[in-house]
């Protein structure tokens, strides 16, 4: 078996499928849908394999893990792209247009030093209990 294919992890996955299919079946039953027996059947199927022989469905587990990894790869790039292009980029452009330098990184050729003098003296006991 490969990494992430322990009997416990596989059983946990099938229990998760059992719960998901049971919830979907219950929602369909509540809403009056006609497909609820299929979801309940799938729930029972995964419950039996989770309890009796979780390793019998190892090929299906491996397929599920590959699908989950592909979905995670796609979602990560999608979400990071959305955050970068819709939040960070416009904020940076707005700061440039307004001439803001929040990080104080502009070079001042007339300055003797970039050291910032601290106005108040630190409370020494606060260094001992940082959290």
N, C-alpha and C. Protein backbone atom coordinates (compact mmCIF):
# COMPACT_ATOMS: atom_id res chain seq x y z
N UNK A 1 0.84 -1.20 0.00
CA UNK A 1 0.00 0.00 0.00
C UNK A 1 0.88 1.25 0.00
N UNK A 2 0.39 2.28 -0.60
CA UNK A 2 1.12 3.55 -0.69
C UNK A 2 0.80 4.42 0.53
N UNK A 3 1.45 5.57 0.57
CA UNK A 3 1.20 6.51 1.66
C UNK A 3 -0.25 6.97 1.60
N UNK A 4 -0.91 7.04 2.72
CA UNK A 4 -2.29 7.50 2.78
C UNK A 4 -3.29 6.41 2.44
N UNK A 5 -2.84 5.16 2.44
CA UNK A 5 -3.75 4.06 2.13
C UNK A 5 -3.86 3.09 3.29
N UNK A 6 -3.82 3.58 4.49
CA UNK A 6 -3.99 2.69 5.63
C UNK A 6 -5.46 2.28 5.73
N UNK A 7 -5.68 1.18 6.38
CA UNK A 7 -7.04 0.65 6.51
C UNK A 7 -7.95 1.66 7.21
N UNK A 8 -7.40 2.35 8.18
CA UNK A 8 -8.18 3.33 8.92
C UNK A 8 -8.60 4.51 8.03
N UNK A 9 -7.67 5.01 7.22
CA UNK A 9 -7.99 6.14 6.34
C UNK A 9 -9.02 5.74 5.28
N UNK A 10 -8.88 4.53 4.76
CA UNK A 10 -9.84 4.06 3.76
C UNK A 10 -11.22 3.88 4.39
N UNK A 11 -11.25 3.32 5.59
CA UNK A 11 -12.53 3.15 6.29
C UNK A 11 -13.18 4.50 6.57
N UNK A 12 -12.37 5.47 6.98
CA UNK A 12 -12.89 6.81 7.25
C UNK A 12 -13.48 7.42 5.99
N UNK A 13 -12.83 7.21 4.86
CA UNK A 13 -13.35 7.72 3.58
C UNK A 13 -14.71 7.10 3.28
N UNK A 14 -14.84 5.78 3.45
CA UNK A 14 -16.13 5.13 3.15
C UNK A 14 -17.21 5.56 4.12
N UNK A 15 -16.85 5.80 5.36
CA UNK A 15 -17.84 6.32 6.32
C UNK A 15 -18.29 7.71 5.89
N UNK A 16 -17.35 8.51 5.41
CA UNK A 16 -17.71 9.84 4.90
C UNK A 16 -18.66 9.75 3.72
N UNK A 17 -18.39 8.82 2.79
CA UNK A 17 -19.30 8.61 1.66
C UNK A 17 -20.67 8.15 2.15
N UNK A 18 -20.67 7.30 3.17
CA UNK A 18 -21.94 6.82 3.73
C UNK A 18 -22.78 7.98 4.23
N UNK A 19 -22.16 8.86 4.98
CA UNK A 19 -22.88 10.01 5.55
C UNK A 19 -23.35 10.96 4.44
N UNK A 20 -22.47 11.23 3.49
CA UNK A 20 -22.83 12.16 2.41
C UNK A 20 -24.02 11.63 1.61
N UNK A 21 -23.96 10.37 1.21
CA UNK A 21 -25.06 9.81 0.43
C UNK A 21 -26.35 9.72 1.25
N UNK A 22 -26.23 9.44 2.55
CA UNK A 22 -27.43 9.40 3.40
C UNK A 22 -28.05 10.78 3.54
N UNK A 23 -27.23 11.81 3.67
CA UNK A 23 -27.76 13.18 3.78
C UNK A 23 -28.42 13.60 2.48
N UNK A 24 -27.79 13.30 1.34
CA UNK A 24 -28.39 13.65 0.05
C UNK A 24 -29.71 12.89 -0.13
N UNK A 25 -29.71 11.61 0.22
CA UNK A 25 -30.95 10.83 0.13
C UNK A 25 -32.04 11.38 1.02
N UNK A 26 -31.69 11.79 2.21
CA UNK A 26 -32.68 12.37 3.13
C UNK A 26 -33.22 13.68 2.60
N UNK A 27 -32.35 14.51 2.04
CA UNK A 27 -32.81 15.77 1.46
C UNK A 27 -33.76 15.52 0.29
N UNK A 28 -33.43 14.54 -0.54
CA UNK A 28 -34.30 14.21 -1.66
C UNK A 28 -35.65 13.67 -1.17
N UNK A 29 -35.61 12.84 -0.15
CA UNK A 29 -36.85 12.32 0.42
C UNK A 29 -37.70 13.44 0.99
N UNK A 30 -37.06 14.36 1.68
CA UNK A 30 -37.76 15.50 2.28
C UNK A 30 -38.37 16.39 1.20
N UNK A 31 -37.62 16.62 0.12
CA UNK A 31 -38.10 17.49 -0.97
C UNK A 31 -39.06 16.78 -1.92
N UNK A 32 -39.20 15.49 -1.77
CA UNK A 32 -40.13 14.74 -2.62
C UNK A 32 -39.50 14.23 -3.90
N UNK A 33 -38.17 14.15 -3.94
CA UNK A 33 -37.49 13.63 -5.13
C UNK A 33 -37.65 12.12 -5.22
N UNK A 34 -37.52 11.60 -6.41
CA UNK A 34 -37.73 10.17 -6.60
C UNK A 34 -36.43 9.37 -6.60
N UNK A 35 -35.29 10.01 -6.54
CA UNK A 35 -34.01 9.31 -6.63
C UNK A 35 -33.44 8.95 -5.26
N UNK A 36 -34.15 9.22 -4.18
CA UNK A 36 -33.61 8.98 -2.85
C UNK A 36 -33.25 7.52 -2.59
N UNK A 37 -33.97 6.51 -3.14
CA UNK A 37 -33.56 5.13 -2.86
C UNK A 37 -32.15 4.81 -3.38
N UNK A 38 -31.75 5.43 -4.48
CA UNK A 38 -30.42 5.18 -5.02
C UNK A 38 -29.34 5.73 -4.08
N UNK A 39 -29.59 6.87 -3.51
CA UNK A 39 -28.62 7.45 -2.58
C UNK A 39 -28.57 6.67 -1.28
N UNK A 40 -29.73 6.23 -0.81
CA UNK A 40 -29.73 5.36 0.37
C UNK A 40 -29.03 4.04 0.08
N UNK A 41 -29.23 3.50 -1.12
CA UNK A 41 -28.55 2.26 -1.51
C UNK A 41 -27.04 2.44 -1.54
N UNK A 42 -26.58 3.56 -2.10
CA UNK A 42 -25.14 3.85 -2.12
C UNK A 42 -24.62 4.02 -0.70
N UNK A 43 -25.42 4.63 0.15
CA UNK A 43 -25.02 4.82 1.55
C UNK A 43 -24.85 3.47 2.25
N UNK A 44 -25.79 2.58 2.03
CA UNK A 44 -25.70 1.24 2.63
C UNK A 44 -24.50 0.49 2.05
N UNK A 45 -24.29 0.59 0.76
CA UNK A 45 -23.15 -0.05 0.09
C UNK A 45 -21.83 0.37 0.74
N UNK A 46 -21.63 1.68 0.90
CA UNK A 46 -20.38 2.16 1.49
C UNK A 46 -20.30 1.82 2.98
N UNK A 47 -21.43 1.81 3.67
CA UNK A 47 -21.43 1.44 5.09
C UNK A 47 -20.99 -0.01 5.27
N UNK A 48 -21.48 -0.88 4.41
CA UNK A 48 -21.11 -2.30 4.50
C UNK A 48 -19.62 -2.47 4.24
N UNK A 49 -19.12 -1.84 3.20
CA UNK A 49 -17.70 -1.98 2.91
C UNK A 49 -16.83 -1.30 3.97
N UNK A 50 -17.29 -0.23 4.57
CA UNK A 50 -16.53 0.42 5.64
C UNK A 50 -16.42 -0.49 6.85
N UNK A 51 -17.50 -1.22 7.13
CA UNK A 51 -17.53 -2.07 8.31
C UNK A 51 -16.83 -3.41 8.08
N UNK A 52 -17.02 -4.01 6.91
CA UNK A 52 -16.56 -5.38 6.69
C UNK A 52 -15.20 -5.46 6.00
N UNK A 53 -15.08 -4.82 4.84
CA UNK A 53 -13.86 -4.99 4.05
C UNK A 53 -13.51 -3.69 3.31
N UNK A 54 -12.98 -2.71 4.01
CA UNK A 54 -12.69 -1.43 3.36
C UNK A 54 -11.63 -1.54 2.25
N UNK A 55 -10.74 -2.52 2.35
CA UNK A 55 -9.67 -2.65 1.35
C UNK A 55 -10.16 -3.25 0.03
N UNK A 56 -11.35 -3.82 0.01
CA UNK A 56 -11.90 -4.39 -1.23
C UNK A 56 -12.15 -3.30 -2.28
N UNK A 57 -12.39 -2.10 -1.83
CA UNK A 57 -12.64 -0.99 -2.74
C UNK A 57 -11.41 -0.09 -2.90
N UNK A 58 -10.23 -0.68 -2.75
CA UNK A 58 -8.99 0.10 -2.86
C UNK A 58 -8.84 0.79 -4.22
N UNK A 59 -9.17 0.16 -5.34
CA UNK A 59 -9.07 0.88 -6.62
C UNK A 59 -9.99 2.11 -6.68
N UNK A 60 -11.18 2.00 -6.13
CA UNK A 60 -12.10 3.14 -6.10
C UNK A 60 -11.54 4.23 -5.18
N UNK A 61 -10.93 3.82 -4.08
CA UNK A 61 -10.31 4.78 -3.16
C UNK A 61 -9.19 5.54 -3.86
N UNK A 62 -8.35 4.81 -4.60
CA UNK A 62 -7.24 5.45 -5.30
C UNK A 62 -7.76 6.43 -6.36
N UNK A 63 -8.83 6.06 -7.04
CA UNK A 63 -9.44 6.95 -8.02
C UNK A 63 -9.98 8.20 -7.34
N UNK A 64 -10.62 8.03 -6.19
CA UNK A 64 -11.16 9.16 -5.44
C UNK A 64 -10.03 10.09 -4.99
N UNK A 65 -8.93 9.53 -4.52
CA UNK A 65 -7.81 10.35 -4.06
C UNK A 65 -7.21 11.15 -5.22
N UNK A 66 -7.09 10.52 -6.39
CA UNK A 66 -6.57 11.24 -7.56
C UNK A 66 -7.51 12.38 -7.95
N UNK A 67 -8.80 12.12 -7.92
CA UNK A 67 -9.77 13.16 -8.23
C UNK A 67 -9.69 14.30 -7.21
N UNK A 68 -9.58 13.95 -5.93
CA UNK A 68 -9.50 14.96 -4.87
C UNK A 68 -8.24 15.80 -5.02
N UNK A 69 -7.13 15.17 -5.38
CA UNK A 69 -5.87 15.91 -5.55
C UNK A 69 -5.98 16.86 -6.75
N UNK A 70 -6.59 16.40 -7.84
CA UNK A 70 -6.76 17.26 -9.01
C UNK A 70 -7.67 18.43 -8.68
N UNK A 71 -8.74 18.17 -7.94
CA UNK A 71 -9.65 19.23 -7.54
C UNK A 71 -8.97 20.22 -6.61
N UNK A 72 -8.15 19.73 -5.70
CA UNK A 72 -7.42 20.61 -4.79
C UNK A 72 -6.43 21.48 -5.56
N UNK A 73 -5.74 20.89 -6.53
CA UNK A 73 -4.78 21.65 -7.35
C UNK A 73 -5.50 22.78 -8.08
N UNK A 74 -6.63 22.46 -8.69
CA UNK A 74 -7.39 23.45 -9.44
C UNK A 74 -7.95 24.54 -8.53
N UNK A 75 -8.56 24.14 -7.42
CA UNK A 75 -9.17 25.11 -6.50
C UNK A 75 -8.13 26.04 -5.89
N UNK A 76 -6.97 25.52 -5.58
CA UNK A 76 -5.92 26.37 -5.01
C UNK A 76 -5.54 27.48 -5.98
N UNK A 77 -5.31 27.11 -7.21
CA UNK A 77 -4.94 28.12 -8.20
C UNK A 77 -6.07 29.08 -8.50
N UNK A 78 -7.28 28.57 -8.55
CA UNK A 78 -8.44 29.41 -8.80
C UNK A 78 -8.64 30.42 -7.67
N UNK A 79 -8.63 29.94 -6.43
CA UNK A 79 -8.85 30.84 -5.30
C UNK A 79 -7.72 31.84 -5.12
N UNK A 80 -6.48 31.37 -5.28
CA UNK A 80 -5.36 32.31 -5.16
C UNK A 80 -5.37 33.33 -6.28
N UNK A 81 -5.75 32.90 -7.49
CA UNK A 81 -5.86 33.84 -8.60
C UNK A 81 -6.93 34.88 -8.36
N UNK A 82 -8.08 34.44 -7.85
CA UNK A 82 -9.17 35.38 -7.56
C UNK A 82 -8.73 36.39 -6.50
N UNK A 83 -8.12 35.90 -5.43
CA UNK A 83 -7.69 36.80 -4.36
C UNK A 83 -6.64 37.78 -4.89
N UNK A 84 -5.68 37.28 -5.66
CA UNK A 84 -4.61 38.16 -6.14
C UNK A 84 -5.13 39.20 -7.11
N UNK A 85 -5.89 38.76 -8.13
CA UNK A 85 -6.30 39.69 -9.17
C UNK A 85 -7.50 40.55 -8.81
N UNK A 86 -8.31 40.13 -7.86
CA UNK A 86 -9.48 40.94 -7.50
C UNK A 86 -9.31 41.73 -6.21
N UNK A 87 -8.31 41.39 -5.40
CA UNK A 87 -8.15 42.09 -4.12
C UNK A 87 -6.77 42.75 -4.03
N UNK A 88 -5.72 41.96 -4.14
CA UNK A 88 -4.37 42.49 -3.91
C UNK A 88 -3.93 43.45 -5.02
N UNK A 89 -4.12 43.06 -6.28
CA UNK A 89 -3.69 43.92 -7.38
C UNK A 89 -4.41 45.27 -7.39
N UNK A 90 -5.75 45.32 -7.29
CA UNK A 90 -6.40 46.64 -7.25
C UNK A 90 -5.98 47.47 -6.04
N UNK A 91 -5.76 46.83 -4.90
CA UNK A 91 -5.32 47.58 -3.72
C UNK A 91 -3.95 48.19 -3.96
N UNK A 92 -3.03 47.41 -4.53
CA UNK A 92 -1.70 47.92 -4.82
C UNK A 92 -1.72 49.06 -5.83
N UNK A 93 -2.54 48.91 -6.86
CA UNK A 93 -2.65 49.98 -7.86
C UNK A 93 -3.25 51.24 -7.26
N UNK A 94 -4.23 51.09 -6.41
CA UNK A 94 -4.84 52.25 -5.75
C UNK A 94 -3.84 52.95 -4.85
N UNK A 95 -3.03 52.18 -4.12
CA UNK A 95 -2.01 52.78 -3.25
C UNK A 95 -0.98 53.54 -4.08
N UNK A 96 -0.59 52.99 -5.22
CA UNK A 96 0.36 53.69 -6.09
C UNK A 96 -0.23 54.98 -6.63
N UNK A 97 -1.50 54.92 -7.04
CA UNK A 97 -2.15 56.12 -7.57
C UNK A 97 -2.27 57.21 -6.51
N UNK A 98 -2.49 56.82 -5.27
CA UNK A 98 -2.62 57.79 -4.18
C UNK A 98 -1.26 58.20 -3.60
N UNK A 99 -0.19 57.56 -4.06
CA UNK A 99 1.14 57.91 -3.60
C UNK A 99 1.44 57.42 -2.19
N UNK A 100 0.76 56.40 -1.75
CA UNK A 100 0.98 55.87 -0.39
C UNK A 100 2.18 54.94 -0.38
N UNK A 101 2.93 54.97 0.72
CA UNK A 101 4.07 54.08 0.93
C UNK A 101 3.91 53.45 2.31
N UNK A 102 3.02 52.48 2.42
CA UNK A 102 2.69 51.91 3.71
C UNK A 102 3.85 51.15 4.35
N UNK A 103 4.74 50.62 3.53
CA UNK A 103 5.88 49.88 4.06
C UNK A 103 7.09 50.77 4.30
N UNK A 104 6.98 52.02 3.93
CA UNK A 104 8.05 53.00 4.13
C UNK A 104 9.35 52.53 3.47
N UNK A 105 9.26 52.23 2.17
CA UNK A 105 10.42 51.70 1.46
C UNK A 105 10.98 52.66 0.42
N UNK A 106 10.47 53.87 0.34
CA UNK A 106 11.00 54.84 -0.62
C UNK A 106 12.40 55.27 -0.17
N UNK A 107 13.27 55.45 -1.13
CA UNK A 107 14.66 55.84 -0.84
C UNK A 107 14.73 57.36 -0.70
N UNK A 108 15.29 57.79 0.41
CA UNK A 108 15.48 59.21 0.68
C UNK A 108 16.99 59.49 0.67
N UNK A 109 17.48 60.12 -0.38
CA UNK A 109 18.92 60.36 -0.52
C UNK A 109 19.44 61.37 0.50
N UNK A 110 18.58 62.17 1.07
CA UNK A 110 18.99 63.18 2.05
C UNK A 110 19.01 62.66 3.47
N UNK A 111 18.49 61.46 3.70
CA UNK A 111 18.41 60.92 5.07
C UNK A 111 19.77 60.38 5.50
N UNK A 112 20.13 60.66 6.77
CA UNK A 112 21.37 60.12 7.33
C UNK A 112 21.21 58.65 7.67
N UNK A 113 20.03 58.30 8.16
CA UNK A 113 19.75 56.92 8.56
C UNK A 113 18.27 56.62 8.34
N UNK A 114 17.99 55.36 8.25
CA UNK A 114 16.59 54.93 8.14
C UNK A 114 16.07 54.38 9.46
N UNK A 115 16.88 54.49 10.47
CA UNK A 115 16.50 54.01 11.80
C UNK A 115 15.38 54.87 12.35
N UNK A 116 14.37 54.21 12.90
CA UNK A 116 13.23 54.91 13.48
C UNK A 116 13.40 54.91 15.00
N UNK A 117 13.45 56.08 15.55
CA UNK A 117 13.60 56.23 17.00
C UNK A 117 12.28 55.85 17.66
N UNK A 118 12.36 55.00 18.64
CA UNK A 118 11.17 54.56 19.35
C UNK A 118 10.75 55.64 20.34
N UNK A 119 9.47 56.00 20.30
CA UNK A 119 8.97 57.08 21.15
C UNK A 119 8.88 56.66 22.62
N UNK A 120 8.38 55.47 22.86
CA UNK A 120 8.20 55.02 24.24
C UNK A 120 9.16 53.86 24.53
N UNK A 121 9.60 53.77 25.75
CA UNK A 121 10.49 52.70 26.14
C UNK A 121 9.69 51.41 26.36
N UNK A 122 10.23 50.28 25.95
CA UNK A 122 9.50 49.02 26.11
C UNK A 122 9.38 48.62 27.57
N UNK A 123 8.31 47.94 27.86
CA UNK A 123 8.08 47.39 29.19
C UNK A 123 8.82 46.06 29.25
N UNK A 124 9.93 45.99 30.01
CA UNK A 124 10.79 44.82 30.01
C UNK A 124 10.08 43.52 30.42
N UNK A 125 9.19 43.51 31.41
CA UNK A 125 8.51 42.24 31.74
C UNK A 125 7.65 41.72 30.59
N UNK A 126 7.23 42.59 29.69
CA UNK A 126 6.40 42.11 28.57
C UNK A 126 7.21 41.24 27.62
N UNK A 127 8.53 41.37 27.63
CA UNK A 127 9.37 40.51 26.80
C UNK A 127 9.42 39.08 27.33
N UNK A 128 9.22 38.92 28.63
CA UNK A 128 9.28 37.60 29.23
C UNK A 128 8.01 36.81 28.98
N UNK A 129 6.88 37.46 28.85
CA UNK A 129 5.60 36.79 28.60
C UNK A 129 5.06 37.29 27.27
N UNK A 130 5.53 36.68 26.20
CA UNK A 130 5.17 37.16 24.87
C UNK A 130 3.75 36.75 24.46
N UNK A 131 3.25 35.69 25.03
CA UNK A 131 1.94 35.21 24.61
C UNK A 131 0.96 35.20 25.75
